[in-house]
Protein backbone atom coordinates (compact mmCIF):
# COMPACT_ATOMS: atom_id res chain seq x y z
CA MET A 1 20.72 22.68 -29.83
CA SER A 2 18.49 20.77 -32.36
CA ARG A 3 19.08 17.64 -31.22
CA LEU A 4 17.66 19.62 -27.24
CA LEU A 5 13.80 20.86 -28.22
CA GLY A 6 13.73 17.72 -31.21
CA THR A 7 14.27 14.98 -28.09
CA TRP A 8 11.72 17.33 -25.93
CA LEU A 9 9.38 16.53 -28.18
CA GLY A 10 9.82 13.57 -29.97
CA ALA A 11 10.70 11.06 -26.85
CA ALA A 12 9.75 12.82 -23.65
CA THR A 13 5.67 11.41 -24.23
CA VAL A 14 7.38 7.69 -24.49
CA LEU A 15 9.97 8.18 -21.51
CA PHE A 16 6.49 9.59 -19.36
CA ALA A 17 3.79 8.26 -21.12
CA GLY A 18 0.46 7.27 -18.63
CA THR A 19 1.42 9.90 -15.62
CA VAL A 20 -1.95 11.40 -14.57
CA ALA A 21 -3.09 13.49 -12.06
CA GLY A 22 -6.21 15.77 -10.52
CA PRO A 23 -6.11 19.59 -11.11
CA ALA A 24 -4.50 20.79 -7.29
CA ALA A 25 -7.20 23.65 -5.09
CA ALA A 26 -5.38 26.67 -5.91
CA ASP A 27 -7.96 28.27 -2.51
CA SER A 28 -6.37 25.37 0.07
CA VAL A 29 -4.86 26.72 3.30
CA TYR A 30 -1.26 24.42 3.71
CA PHE A 31 -0.02 23.40 7.13
CA PRO A 32 3.74 22.88 7.11
CA LEU A 33 4.73 19.30 8.47
CA ASP A 34 8.36 19.13 9.78
CA GLN A 35 10.04 16.54 8.33
CA GLY A 36 13.28 17.17 9.55
CA VAL A 37 15.06 20.13 6.74
CA ASP A 38 14.19 23.37 6.73
CA SER A 39 12.26 24.87 4.88
CA ALA A 40 14.78 27.53 2.62
CA THR A 41 16.79 24.30 1.98
CA LEU A 42 13.59 22.47 0.55
CA GLU A 43 12.97 25.47 -1.97
CA GLN A 44 16.74 25.02 -2.98
CA TYR A 45 16.61 21.49 -3.19
CA HIS A 46 12.88 21.67 -5.14
CA HIS A 47 14.98 23.82 -8.08
CA THR A 48 18.17 22.08 -8.53
CA ASP A 49 19.73 21.77 -11.31
CA GLN A 50 20.70 17.90 -12.01
CA GLY A 51 21.38 17.80 -16.06
CA THR A 52 18.22 17.38 -17.59
CA ARG A 53 17.94 19.63 -20.35
CA LEU A 54 14.64 20.76 -21.65
CA VAL A 55 14.48 23.88 -24.13
CA PRO A 56 15.53 27.39 -23.14
CA ALA A 57 13.49 28.77 -20.67
CA ALA A 58 12.85 31.30 -22.10
CA TRP A 59 11.76 29.96 -24.25
CA LEU A 60 9.20 27.82 -22.60
CA ALA A 61 8.15 31.29 -20.62
CA ALA A 62 7.68 32.65 -23.82
CA LEU A 63 5.83 29.57 -25.66
CA GLU A 64 1.45 30.65 -25.89
CA MET A 65 -0.98 27.49 -25.86
CA PRO A 66 -1.26 26.21 -29.08
CA ASP A 67 -5.04 28.00 -29.19
CA GLY A 68 -3.40 30.90 -28.14
CA SER A 69 -5.07 31.09 -25.33
CA GLY A 70 -1.90 32.10 -23.10
CA LYS A 71 1.63 31.21 -22.08
CA VAL A 72 0.91 26.86 -21.55
CA MET A 73 3.57 27.67 -18.39
CA ALA A 74 1.13 30.13 -16.84
CA PRO A 75 0.24 28.65 -13.36
CA GLU A 76 -3.69 27.80 -13.91
CA VAL A 77 -2.58 25.38 -17.07
CA LEU A 78 0.19 24.07 -14.70
CA ARG A 79 -2.30 23.38 -11.47
CA LYS A 80 -4.90 21.56 -14.51
CA TYR A 81 -1.67 18.91 -14.96
CA GLY A 82 -1.63 18.73 -11.61
CA PHE A 83 1.97 20.60 -10.62
CA LEU A 84 2.56 21.94 -7.48
CA VAL A 85 1.68 25.87 -8.51
CA ASP A 86 0.27 27.54 -5.48
CA ASN A 87 3.65 28.32 -3.23
CA ALA A 88 5.40 28.92 -6.04
CA THR A 89 8.26 32.60 -5.66
CA LYS A 90 10.37 33.49 -7.60
CA THR A 91 14.22 33.29 -6.47
CA PRO A 92 17.20 32.87 -7.76
CA ASP A 93 17.05 29.28 -8.26
CA ASN A 94 13.25 29.35 -9.83
CA PRO A 95 13.56 32.98 -11.77
CA TYR A 96 10.17 32.34 -13.26
CA ALA A 97 8.49 31.18 -10.20
CA TRP A 98 7.86 27.55 -11.60
CA PRO A 99 6.10 24.58 -9.87
CA VAL A 100 8.13 22.89 -7.38
CA GLY A 101 10.73 20.38 -9.63
CA TRP A 102 11.10 22.30 -12.25
CA THR A 103 14.41 23.42 -12.63
CA VAL A 104 16.60 26.79 -14.59
CA THR A 105 20.34 26.34 -15.60
CA GLU A 106 23.20 28.48 -15.04
CA PRO A 107 23.65 29.92 -18.40
CA ALA A 108 27.69 29.25 -18.12
CA LYS A 109 27.22 25.86 -17.54
CA THR A 110 24.88 25.89 -20.78
CA GLY A 111 26.24 27.59 -24.10
CA GLY A 112 24.90 31.49 -22.53
CA ILE A 113 21.69 30.04 -22.58
CA ALA A 114 19.65 28.88 -19.29
CA ILE A 115 17.94 25.51 -19.96
CA ALA A 116 15.00 24.15 -18.83
CA GLY A 117 14.68 20.73 -16.68
CA PHE A 118 13.29 18.56 -14.32
CA THR A 119 15.05 17.92 -11.16
CA CYS A 120 14.06 14.24 -8.43
CA ALA A 121 11.46 16.71 -6.67
CA MET A 122 8.84 17.29 -9.93
CA CYS A 123 8.75 13.30 -9.11
CA HIS A 124 9.57 12.50 -5.18
CA THR A 125 6.45 15.64 -3.65
CA GLY A 126 2.96 14.96 -3.18
CA ARG A 127 0.26 16.83 -1.30
CA ILE A 128 -2.99 15.24 -0.17
CA ASP A 129 -5.64 17.64 0.54
CA PHE A 130 -9.21 16.92 3.05
CA LYS A 131 -11.53 19.79 3.65
CA GLY A 132 -9.86 22.89 1.66
CA ARG A 133 -6.61 22.50 3.88
CA SER A 134 -3.76 20.69 1.95
CA VAL A 135 -0.16 19.26 3.76
CA ILE A 136 2.98 19.05 1.54
CA ILE A 137 4.64 15.23 1.56
CA GLU A 138 8.40 15.87 0.98
CA GLY A 139 9.80 12.88 0.02
CA GLY A 140 6.46 11.35 -1.44
CA GLN A 141 4.89 10.44 -4.47
CA PRO A 142 3.11 13.33 -6.37
CA MET A 143 -0.06 13.85 -9.75
CA ILE A 144 1.59 15.19 -11.40
CA ASP A 145 -0.10 14.94 -15.62
CA LEU A 146 2.96 15.67 -17.84
CA PHE A 147 2.36 13.36 -20.60
CA PRO A 148 -1.12 15.09 -21.85
CA PHE A 149 1.16 18.62 -20.72
CA VAL A 150 4.60 17.72 -23.10
CA ASP A 151 1.78 17.03 -26.18
CA VAL A 152 0.23 20.38 -25.35
CA VAL A 153 3.75 21.96 -25.15
CA SER A 154 5.31 19.91 -28.51
CA ALA A 155 1.76 20.59 -30.30
CA ALA A 156 2.70 24.85 -28.94
CA PHE A 157 5.89 24.34 -30.64
CA VAL A 158 4.86 23.45 -33.60
CA ALA A 159 1.98 25.95 -33.91
CA THR A 160 4.33 28.82 -33.37
CA ALA A 161 7.15 27.42 -35.92
CA THR A 162 4.20 27.38 -38.61
CA ASP A 163 1.53 30.95 -37.58
CA PRO A 164 3.24 34.04 -38.42
CA VAL A 165 1.06 35.67 -35.75
CA LEU A 166 2.28 33.04 -33.04
CA ARG A 167 5.91 33.00 -33.65
CA LYS A 168 6.55 36.67 -34.01
CA LYS A 169 4.81 36.69 -31.04
CA PHE A 170 7.31 34.36 -29.65
CA PHE A 171 10.19 35.65 -31.12
CA ALA A 172 9.14 39.22 -28.92
CA ASP A 173 8.04 37.14 -25.97
CA ALA A 174 11.39 34.70 -25.90
CA ILE A 175 14.00 38.39 -26.26
CA ALA A 176 11.38 39.56 -23.28
CA GLU A 177 12.52 36.53 -20.85
CA GLY A 178 16.04 37.48 -21.65
CA TYR A 179 17.25 35.23 -25.24
CA PRO A 180 19.71 36.82 -26.78
CA ALA A 181 17.87 38.64 -30.16
CA ASP A 182 21.00 38.13 -32.39
CA ARG A 183 20.26 34.20 -31.82
CA MET A 184 16.35 34.22 -31.62
CA ALA A 185 16.31 33.30 -35.31
CA LYS A 186 18.82 31.67 -36.41
CA ASP A 187 18.63 29.19 -33.14
CA PHE A 188 14.86 28.67 -33.55
CA ASP A 189 14.76 28.45 -37.43
CA GLY A 190 17.54 25.88 -36.62
CA VAL A 191 15.69 23.58 -34.39
CA VAL A 192 12.54 23.66 -36.36
CA ALA A 193 14.00 22.74 -39.92
CA SER A 194 15.70 19.67 -38.28
CA LEU A 195 11.98 18.99 -36.05
CA SER A 196 11.15 16.63 -38.63
CA HIS A 197 13.97 14.15 -39.07
CA LEU A 198 14.03 14.25 -35.04
CA ARG A 199 10.97 12.89 -34.41
CA GLN A 200 11.07 10.45 -36.79
CA ALA A 201 15.21 9.42 -36.06
CA THR A 202 13.43 9.25 -32.16
CA PRO A 203 12.69 5.45 -31.35
CA GLY A 204 9.68 4.47 -29.83
CA ALA A 205 6.45 5.08 -33.13
CA LYS A 206 6.64 0.50 -32.65
CA ILE A 207 6.14 0.38 -29.27
CA THR A 208 3.49 0.38 -26.90
CA LEU A 209 3.08 1.75 -23.47
CA LEU A 210 0.44 0.74 -20.71
CA PRO A 211 -1.11 4.07 -19.24
CA GLY A 212 0.40 4.83 -15.91
CA GLY A 213 -2.68 6.86 -14.15
CA PRO A 214 -1.65 9.35 -11.23
CA GLY A 215 1.79 9.14 -9.95
CA ARG A 216 2.76 6.05 -11.21
CA VAL A 217 4.88 6.14 -14.60
CA ASP A 218 7.75 3.07 -15.82
CA ALA A 219 10.36 5.16 -14.94
CA VAL A 220 12.71 1.26 -15.18
CA GLN A 221 11.74 1.34 -18.45
CA GLY A 222 12.06 5.29 -19.33
CA ILE A 223 15.65 5.01 -18.52
CA ALA A 224 16.32 2.05 -20.46
CA ASN A 225 14.77 3.24 -23.60
CA ARG A 226 16.40 6.57 -23.47
CA ALA A 227 19.76 5.16 -22.86
CA PHE A 228 19.98 2.15 -25.06
CA GLY A 229 17.26 3.45 -27.82
CA THR A 230 17.54 7.24 -28.06
CA ASP A 231 20.84 8.07 -27.52
CA LEU A 232 22.65 5.07 -29.17
CA MET A 233 20.21 5.88 -32.48
CA ILE A 234 18.98 2.57 -32.23
CA PRO A 235 15.18 3.03 -32.75
CA THR A 236 14.66 -1.15 -32.51
CA ASN A 237 16.50 -1.22 -28.97
CA GLN A 238 13.44 0.56 -27.49
CA ARG A 239 11.41 -2.08 -25.18
CA ASP A 240 7.65 -1.95 -24.05
CA GLY A 241 6.46 0.49 -21.07
CA THR A 242 3.96 -2.54 -19.66
CA ALA A 243 5.32 -1.72 -15.99
CA PRO A 244 4.07 1.52 -14.55
CA VAL A 245 4.27 1.86 -10.88
CA SER A 246 4.55 4.36 -8.43
CA TYR A 247 6.92 6.70 -7.91
CA PRO A 248 8.80 5.28 -4.77
CA TYR A 249 8.75 7.66 -1.18
CA LEU A 250 12.38 9.00 -0.57
CA TRP A 251 11.73 9.03 3.26
CA ASP A 252 15.08 6.41 4.57
CA ILE A 253 16.01 5.54 1.36
CA TRP A 254 20.17 6.30 2.82
CA ARG A 255 19.97 3.23 4.49
CA LEU A 256 18.25 0.81 2.92
CA SER A 257 20.05 -2.52 1.90
CA TRP A 258 18.47 -2.16 -1.66
CA LEU A 259 16.71 -0.27 -3.82
CA GLN A 260 14.01 0.38 -6.52
CA TYR A 261 10.71 -2.38 -6.76
CA ASN A 262 12.64 -5.24 -7.09
CA GLY A 263 15.65 -4.45 -5.23
CA PHE A 264 18.00 -4.17 -8.59
CA ILE A 265 20.56 -1.69 -6.69
CA GLY A 266 22.22 -1.45 -3.51
CA ARG A 267 23.42 1.38 -1.99
CA ALA A 268 25.02 3.30 -4.41
CA SER A 269 23.91 7.09 -3.78
CA ASP A 270 25.70 8.21 -7.30
CA SER A 271 24.94 5.71 -9.26
CA ARG A 272 21.30 4.96 -8.73
CA ASN A 273 21.22 8.80 -9.06
CA ILE A 274 23.18 9.19 -12.89
CA GLY A 275 20.73 6.20 -13.99
CA GLU A 276 18.24 8.57 -12.81
CA VAL A 277 18.59 11.87 -14.76
CA LEU A 278 19.75 9.62 -18.05
CA GLY A 279 15.76 8.74 -17.46
CA THR A 280 14.87 12.11 -17.59
CA GLU A 281 16.27 13.93 -20.87
CA GLY A 282 20.02 14.38 -18.92
CA GLN A 283 22.29 14.78 -22.03
CA THR A 284 24.62 12.25 -23.36
CA HIS A 285 27.24 11.88 -25.59
CA PHE A 286 27.41 7.44 -26.43
CA VAL A 287 27.23 8.56 -30.70
CA ASP A 288 28.22 11.89 -33.28
CA ALA A 289 24.87 13.12 -34.89
CA GLU A 290 25.13 10.43 -37.53
CA GLY A 291 25.24 7.64 -34.60
CA ARG A 292 29.20 6.92 -35.06
CA LEU A 293 31.34 6.30 -31.89
CA ASN A 294 32.08 9.04 -30.12
CA PRO A 295 35.52 9.19 -28.75
CA LEU A 296 36.90 8.82 -25.35
CA PRO A 297 36.44 11.05 -22.86
CA LEU A 298 33.32 12.53 -25.37
CA ARG A 299 32.25 8.88 -25.84
CA TRP A 300 30.93 9.25 -21.48
CA GLN A 301 30.71 12.94 -20.42
CA THR A 302 27.16 13.76 -19.56
CA SER A 303 24.76 17.20 -19.02
CA ILE A 304 24.59 15.30 -15.35
CA GLN A 305 25.41 17.35 -12.39
CA ILE A 306 26.78 15.12 -10.06
CA ARG A 307 27.83 17.50 -6.92
CA ASN A 308 24.15 18.71 -6.30
CA LEU A 309 23.16 15.12 -6.54
CA GLN A 310 24.89 14.62 -3.59
CA TRP A 311 24.09 18.13 -2.32
CA MET A 312 20.15 16.59 -2.73
CA GLU A 313 20.66 12.75 -1.88
CA GLY A 314 22.82 14.70 2.07
CA THR A 315 19.26 16.48 2.63
CA LEU A 316 17.05 13.97 2.16
CA GLU A 317 19.40 11.97 3.90
CA LYS A 318 17.91 14.31 6.37
CA LEU A 319 14.40 13.76 5.48
CA LYS A 320 12.04 11.65 7.89
CA ALA A 321 8.73 9.82 7.46
CA PRO A 322 6.13 12.70 7.48
CA ALA A 323 4.19 12.23 10.61
CA TRP A 324 0.46 12.23 10.40
CA PRO A 325 -1.16 15.61 10.88
CA GLU A 326 -3.64 15.30 13.88
CA SER A 327 -4.93 19.10 13.13
CA VAL A 328 -5.70 18.62 9.33
CA LEU A 329 -7.00 14.65 9.55
CA GLY A 330 -7.98 13.76 12.64
CA PRO A 331 -6.93 12.28 16.26
CA ILE A 332 -5.59 8.84 16.67
CA ASN A 333 -7.24 6.65 18.40
CA ARG A 334 -4.05 5.32 20.71
CA ALA A 335 -6.12 2.88 22.49
CA LYS A 336 -6.75 1.24 18.62
CA ALA A 337 -3.18 2.08 17.50
CA ALA A 338 -1.64 -0.24 20.23
CA LYS A 339 -3.94 -3.18 19.78
CA GLY A 340 -2.83 -2.27 15.88
CA ARG A 341 0.81 -2.27 16.66
CA ALA A 342 0.73 -5.38 18.41
CA LEU A 343 -1.23 -7.09 14.54
CA PHE A 344 1.37 -5.23 12.65
CA THR A 345 4.20 -7.44 14.75
CA ALA A 346 2.29 -10.39 14.47
CA ASN A 347 1.75 -10.52 10.91
CA CYS A 348 3.30 -7.94 8.96
CA SER A 349 7.10 -7.05 10.61
CA GLY A 350 8.50 -10.79 9.33
CA CYS A 351 8.69 -8.68 5.93
CA HIS A 352 7.96 -4.99 6.83
CA GLY A 353 10.21 -4.24 10.65
CA ILE A 354 13.60 -2.69 10.61
CA LYS A 355 16.32 -5.39 10.10
CA THR A 356 19.29 -3.20 11.60
CA LEU A 357 22.32 -4.23 10.43
CA PRO A 358 26.09 -3.80 12.11
CA ASP A 359 26.45 0.04 9.77
CA GLY A 360 23.42 1.10 10.66
CA ALA A 361 21.56 0.67 7.68
CA TRP A 362 18.15 -1.21 6.94
CA ASP A 363 18.19 -4.28 5.53
CA VAL A 364 14.94 -5.28 3.33
CA THR A 365 13.24 -8.74 1.83
CA VAL A 366 13.33 -8.87 -1.36
CA VAL A 367 9.91 -11.45 -1.69
CA PRO A 368 10.48 -13.42 -4.13
CA LEU A 369 7.20 -12.87 -7.04
CA THR A 370 5.76 -16.58 -6.56
CA HIS A 371 5.29 -15.65 -2.48
CA VAL A 372 4.04 -12.27 -3.13
CA GLY A 373 2.00 -12.69 -6.14
CA THR A 374 1.37 -8.84 -7.05
CA ASP A 375 2.08 -8.00 -11.30
CA PRO A 376 4.90 -9.24 -11.98
CA ASN A 377 5.80 -6.62 -15.32
CA GLN A 378 8.72 -4.70 -13.60
CA ALA A 379 10.75 -7.62 -12.59
CA THR A 380 10.64 -9.29 -15.04
CA ASN A 381 10.96 -6.78 -17.85
CA TRP A 382 13.65 -6.04 -16.14
CA ALA A 383 15.19 -9.23 -16.06
CA GLY A 384 13.88 -10.70 -19.91
CA TYR A 385 14.07 -7.41 -21.83
CA THR A 386 17.63 -7.30 -23.93
CA TYR A 387 19.78 -4.55 -26.64
CA ASP A 388 22.17 -4.85 -28.81
CA LEU A 389 24.65 -2.66 -26.73
CA SER A 390 27.58 -3.87 -29.22
CA ILE A 391 28.52 -0.48 -30.07
CA LEU A 392 29.54 -0.37 -26.58
CA GLY A 393 31.20 -3.63 -27.09
CA LEU A 394 28.14 -5.82 -24.98
CA ASP A 395 26.44 -8.72 -26.82
CA LYS A 396 24.00 -8.03 -29.22
CA ALA A 397 21.25 -9.38 -26.70
CA THR A 398 23.08 -7.39 -23.51
CA PRO A 399 20.53 -8.10 -20.27
CA ALA A 400 18.75 -4.25 -18.89
CA TYR A 401 20.61 -5.19 -16.17
CA LYS A 402 24.31 -6.09 -17.56
CA GLY A 403 24.04 -2.60 -20.31
CA VAL A 404 22.86 0.45 -17.25
CA GLU A 405 25.43 -1.43 -14.57
CA ALA A 406 28.27 -0.87 -17.53
CA ALA A 407 27.51 2.94 -18.90
CA VAL A 408 26.43 4.60 -15.50
CA ASN A 409 29.82 2.61 -14.45
CA ALA A 410 31.27 4.65 -16.48
CA ILE A 411 29.78 7.84 -16.91
CA ARG A 412 30.01 8.11 -13.17
CA ARG A 413 34.37 7.72 -13.28
CA GLN A 414 34.24 10.64 -16.00
CA LEU A 415 32.13 12.40 -13.90
CA TYR A 416 34.15 12.09 -10.77
CA ALA A 417 37.69 13.11 -13.21
CA ASP A 418 35.19 15.93 -14.82
CA ASN A 419 34.88 17.13 -11.35
CA ASP A 420 38.06 16.54 -9.82
CA ILE A 421 36.00 13.91 -7.04
CA PRO A 422 39.41 12.63 -4.73
CA ALA A 423 39.44 9.06 -4.35
CA SER A 424 38.12 9.35 -1.06
CA GLU A 425 35.19 10.50 -1.70
CA GLN A 426 34.08 7.98 -5.03
CA GLN A 427 31.97 5.22 -5.05
CA PRO A 428 32.76 1.89 -6.26
CA ASP A 429 31.09 0.30 -9.66
CA ILE A 430 28.41 -1.00 -9.02
CA ALA A 431 26.52 -4.72 -9.97
CA LEU A 432 23.57 -4.30 -10.57
CA GLN A 433 20.75 -7.75 -10.42
CA ALA A 434 18.08 -8.53 -11.86
CA PRO A 435 16.06 -10.72 -8.99
CA CYS A 436 13.10 -12.26 -9.29
CA GLY A 437 10.81 -10.65 -6.65
CA TYR A 438 10.02 -7.05 -5.02
CA LYS A 439 11.71 -5.64 -1.62
CA ALA A 440 9.11 -4.86 1.39
CA ARG A 441 10.51 -1.96 3.28
CA PRO A 442 9.94 -0.72 6.45
CA LEU A 443 6.05 1.71 6.30
CA ILE A 444 6.83 4.52 8.70
CA GLY A 445 4.81 7.58 6.96
CA VAL A 446 3.36 4.87 3.86
CA TRP A 447 -0.18 6.48 5.61
CA ALA A 448 0.87 9.49 3.43
CA THR A 449 1.79 7.08 -0.21
CA PRO A 450 -1.86 6.52 -2.18
CA PRO A 451 -2.49 4.29 -4.05
CA PHE A 452 -0.35 1.35 -2.68
CA LEU A 453 0.78 -2.41 -4.00
CA HIS A 454 4.54 -0.85 -5.81
CA ASN A 455 2.54 -0.56 -9.09
CA GLY A 456 -0.01 1.63 -7.35
CA SER A 457 -3.33 -0.79 -8.46
CA VAL A 458 -4.79 -0.27 -4.72
CA ARG A 459 -6.50 2.30 -3.94
CA THR A 460 -6.78 2.72 -0.11
CA VAL A 461 -4.77 0.61 2.63
CA TYR A 462 -8.40 -0.60 3.45
CA ASP A 463 -8.97 -2.19 0.50
CA LEU A 464 -5.26 -3.50 0.84
CA LEU A 465 -6.30 -5.79 4.24
CA SER A 466 -9.19 -7.06 2.52
CA ASP A 467 -10.22 -10.03 0.32
CA LYS A 468 -11.20 -8.62 -2.36
CA ARG A 469 -10.27 -4.81 -4.05
CA PRO A 470 -12.09 -3.24 -6.31
CA ALA A 471 -11.11 -3.81 -9.77
CA ARG A 472 -11.52 0.14 -11.22
CA PHE A 473 -11.91 2.78 -9.60
CA THR A 474 -11.53 6.59 -10.54
CA TYR A 475 -8.45 8.35 -9.28
CA GLY A 476 -7.72 12.08 -10.87
CA THR A 477 -8.46 13.44 -6.98
CA ARG A 478 -5.91 15.24 -3.73
CA ASN A 479 -8.36 14.53 -1.63
CA TYR A 480 -7.46 12.18 0.85
CA ASP A 481 -9.75 9.43 2.68
CA PRO A 482 -7.91 9.57 6.37
CA VAL A 483 -10.84 6.42 7.88
CA LYS A 484 -9.43 3.61 5.10
CA LEU A 485 -6.54 5.43 3.88
CA GLY A 486 -6.00 6.55 0.56
CA TYR A 487 -7.29 9.49 -2.02
CA THR A 488 -10.76 9.63 -2.57
CA GLU A 489 -12.91 9.26 -6.11
CA ASP A 490 -14.10 12.52 -5.73
CA LYS A 491 -14.29 14.49 -9.69
CA SER A 492 -11.74 15.80 -10.34
CA GLU A 493 -10.81 18.09 -13.82
CA ASN A 494 -8.82 14.98 -14.46
CA ASP A 495 -10.77 11.50 -14.16
CA ALA A 496 -9.38 8.53 -15.06
CA VAL A 497 -10.26 5.22 -14.10
CA PHE A 498 -8.13 2.43 -13.34
CA ASP A 499 -8.73 -1.15 -14.62
CA ALA A 500 -6.70 -4.23 -12.57
CA SER A 501 -7.84 -6.46 -15.17
CA ILE A 502 -4.48 -5.26 -18.01
CA PRO A 503 -1.08 -6.81 -16.90
CA GLY A 504 0.72 -4.25 -15.84
CA ASN A 505 -1.69 -2.80 -13.27
CA LEU A 506 -2.84 -6.09 -12.21
CA ASN A 507 -3.41 -5.34 -8.19
CA THR A 508 -3.32 -9.28 -7.40
CA GLY A 509 -1.22 -10.16 -4.24
CA HIS A 510 -0.31 -9.52 -1.35
CA TRP A 511 -3.65 -11.47 0.08
CA TRP A 512 -5.53 -11.57 3.57
CA THR A 513 -7.76 -14.07 2.92
CA ASP A 514 -8.49 -17.37 4.63
CA ASP A 515 -8.12 -19.20 0.77
CA LYS A 516 -4.88 -21.50 1.19
CA LYS A 517 -5.01 -21.90 -2.27
CA ARG A 518 -4.61 -18.28 -4.30
CA PRO A 519 -1.41 -17.47 -5.56
CA GLY A 520 -0.68 -14.65 -3.64
CA ARG A 521 -1.60 -15.20 0.02
CA ILE A 522 0.62 -13.69 3.15
CA GLY A 523 -2.11 -14.21 5.68
CA ARG A 524 -6.04 -14.69 7.76
CA LYS A 525 -8.08 -13.13 7.10
CA LEU A 526 -8.69 -10.32 8.74
CA SER A 527 -11.90 -8.61 10.28
CA GLU A 528 -13.54 -5.48 9.75
CA ASP A 529 -11.87 -4.39 13.93
CA GLU A 530 -8.43 -5.61 13.01
CA LYS A 531 -8.07 -3.76 9.15
CA PHE A 532 -8.99 -0.56 11.24
CA ALA A 533 -6.66 -1.14 14.02
CA LEU A 534 -4.50 -1.79 11.50
CA ILE A 535 -4.88 1.58 9.67
CA GLU A 536 -4.71 3.02 13.17
CA TYR A 537 -1.03 1.36 13.76
CA LEU A 538 -0.14 2.71 10.17
CA LYS A 539 -1.07 6.37 11.43
CA ALA A 540 0.66 6.24 14.62
CA ALA A 541 3.89 4.74 13.68
CA THR A 542 7.35 6.26 14.67
CA TYR A 543 10.64 5.54 14.71
CA ASP A 544 10.44 5.03 18.27
CA ASP A 545 7.79 2.43 18.12
CA TYR A 546 8.26 0.99 15.12
CA PRO A 547 9.30 -3.16 15.27
CA SER A 548 12.44 -3.63 14.89
CA GLU A 549 15.05 -6.39 15.31
CA PRO A 550 18.78 -6.88 14.20
CA ARG A 551 20.19 -8.59 11.64
CA ALA A 552 24.00 -10.01 11.15
CA GLU A 553 24.32 -9.45 7.71
CA PRO A 554 21.66 -8.78 4.94
CA ILE A 555 19.79 -11.87 3.85
CA PRO A 556 20.64 -12.43 -0.70
CA VAL A 557 17.58 -11.07 -2.59
CA ALA A 558 15.05 -13.68 -4.02
CA CYS A 559 17.31 -15.61 -7.67
CA GLN A 560 20.66 -15.17 -6.93
CA ASP A 561 21.52 -16.99 -10.08
CA GLN A 562 20.76 -14.26 -11.86
CA GLN A 563 21.61 -15.62 -15.58
CA ASP A 564 18.90 -18.08 -15.31
CA TRP A 565 16.10 -15.98 -14.29
CA ALA A 566 16.61 -13.62 -16.54
CA LEU A 567 16.97 -16.46 -19.45
CA LYS A 568 13.63 -17.41 -18.16
CA ALA A 569 12.09 -14.42 -18.18
CA ALA A 570 13.21 -13.69 -21.61
CA ALA A 571 12.14 -16.16 -23.02
CA ALA A 572 8.71 -15.33 -21.40
CA LYS A 573 8.78 -12.35 -23.48
């Protein structure tokens, strides 16, 4: 228990640094979208335990704000940090009526104590607001402000440990929430006694973290830092988190030949989801409390709930892209959309069209960095960072993709064994890559996924289609601009300024310009009429009318000589 809370307090700010968002509108009228999954299934998906282990749920429910102004999990606090509070209801899967993405474990699976956690819906459920009306985007990007919220929770635990009045009230409230009275003092004091040590032992104090911004996080680096730094107890394995990206949208991901922005993993859903849980406070047992390698099979055993992950993956296979809600955002100009489709087919479908493989999958094109010209950090960090994994029998300078590959394969095989999953249901080992580019996926429903480019550095589709883009813009609101497609710069409680001049935040590349020498040019300058025609088509695009063509076999990703590319990327770090 002490290691559990210590990890939450000491490492969560490293993992989630930079996610910022505005508050939700408590008085919004909600308009449901049909995305192919019924509401009861979605409610279960929103709160299904994936294996994240934070703190006892009763403790989190009882915890007071550091200033004693109320509970940290009160709706008004959670709303301030961008959580989707307003539709939260108490159900068996959500006994505390917490927002989308929060989970509570079955006590029998966690030593008799229900533990609070996250699930994938927290980072992949969005919402847009327009004139007092709101639409939930299942599988879309969130606008959570998790980094400051984690700081509040950390400060609240410290204040509770040191203030006798807060401590007494916390104990009484936690017991009332279901924590065993006979364990309360001993368990909490055990955490407090080890808190200082754990915070010092948790890697991250000497690394650089680029704040992400609305709906952005350096999730891939978070996985590597968590697994190779925190979990292995090797502080020097932490690496700078300088590549925050926009949370990817989830519809159709099961169809795509390559996933993650730089296309480093194929259609291996178990392995992909295991990696996600590793980066979001899943418990591992690589080493013991002294940093010594644990024996087998304990070494590869984790808190990951593989059957739940498989159920969620199956649910997401039914998820459809959201259709433009004309009753909320206004009617589509069908004549203009038809012109936009012709422009899209001629200028965009070469990369973003559907390329159907013989097995029904969609092959995606991984566009080299030298061509697309967008911020390179996510691709170069993944390829260039190395880690001392000699304790696991790997090299002292193991590239991220080789280290994650080895760990995920071992964990997945152990999960199959521990859960008696028959061979017929098991997925093969993965072979990760380190491409020198970013994938160009189909854009059905992309209107609901601002901001744009892989790193969220462009506020609207209109700006993306222009030959000039704002280098700075205000963010924090969910208020939507249905003309230019993106969030507005309206004032919100958590306003911040996005600075696109900082590496990691660069808004370069994917240019539509007549300047043929500009790096990252992909097409000629578009007229205003052409830009708005394309925008209208992106509102209207459906699976039935989207440009598509058969493809006999997958096109290899960029930089097939992974070792040479990785060495060059490492040398540049």
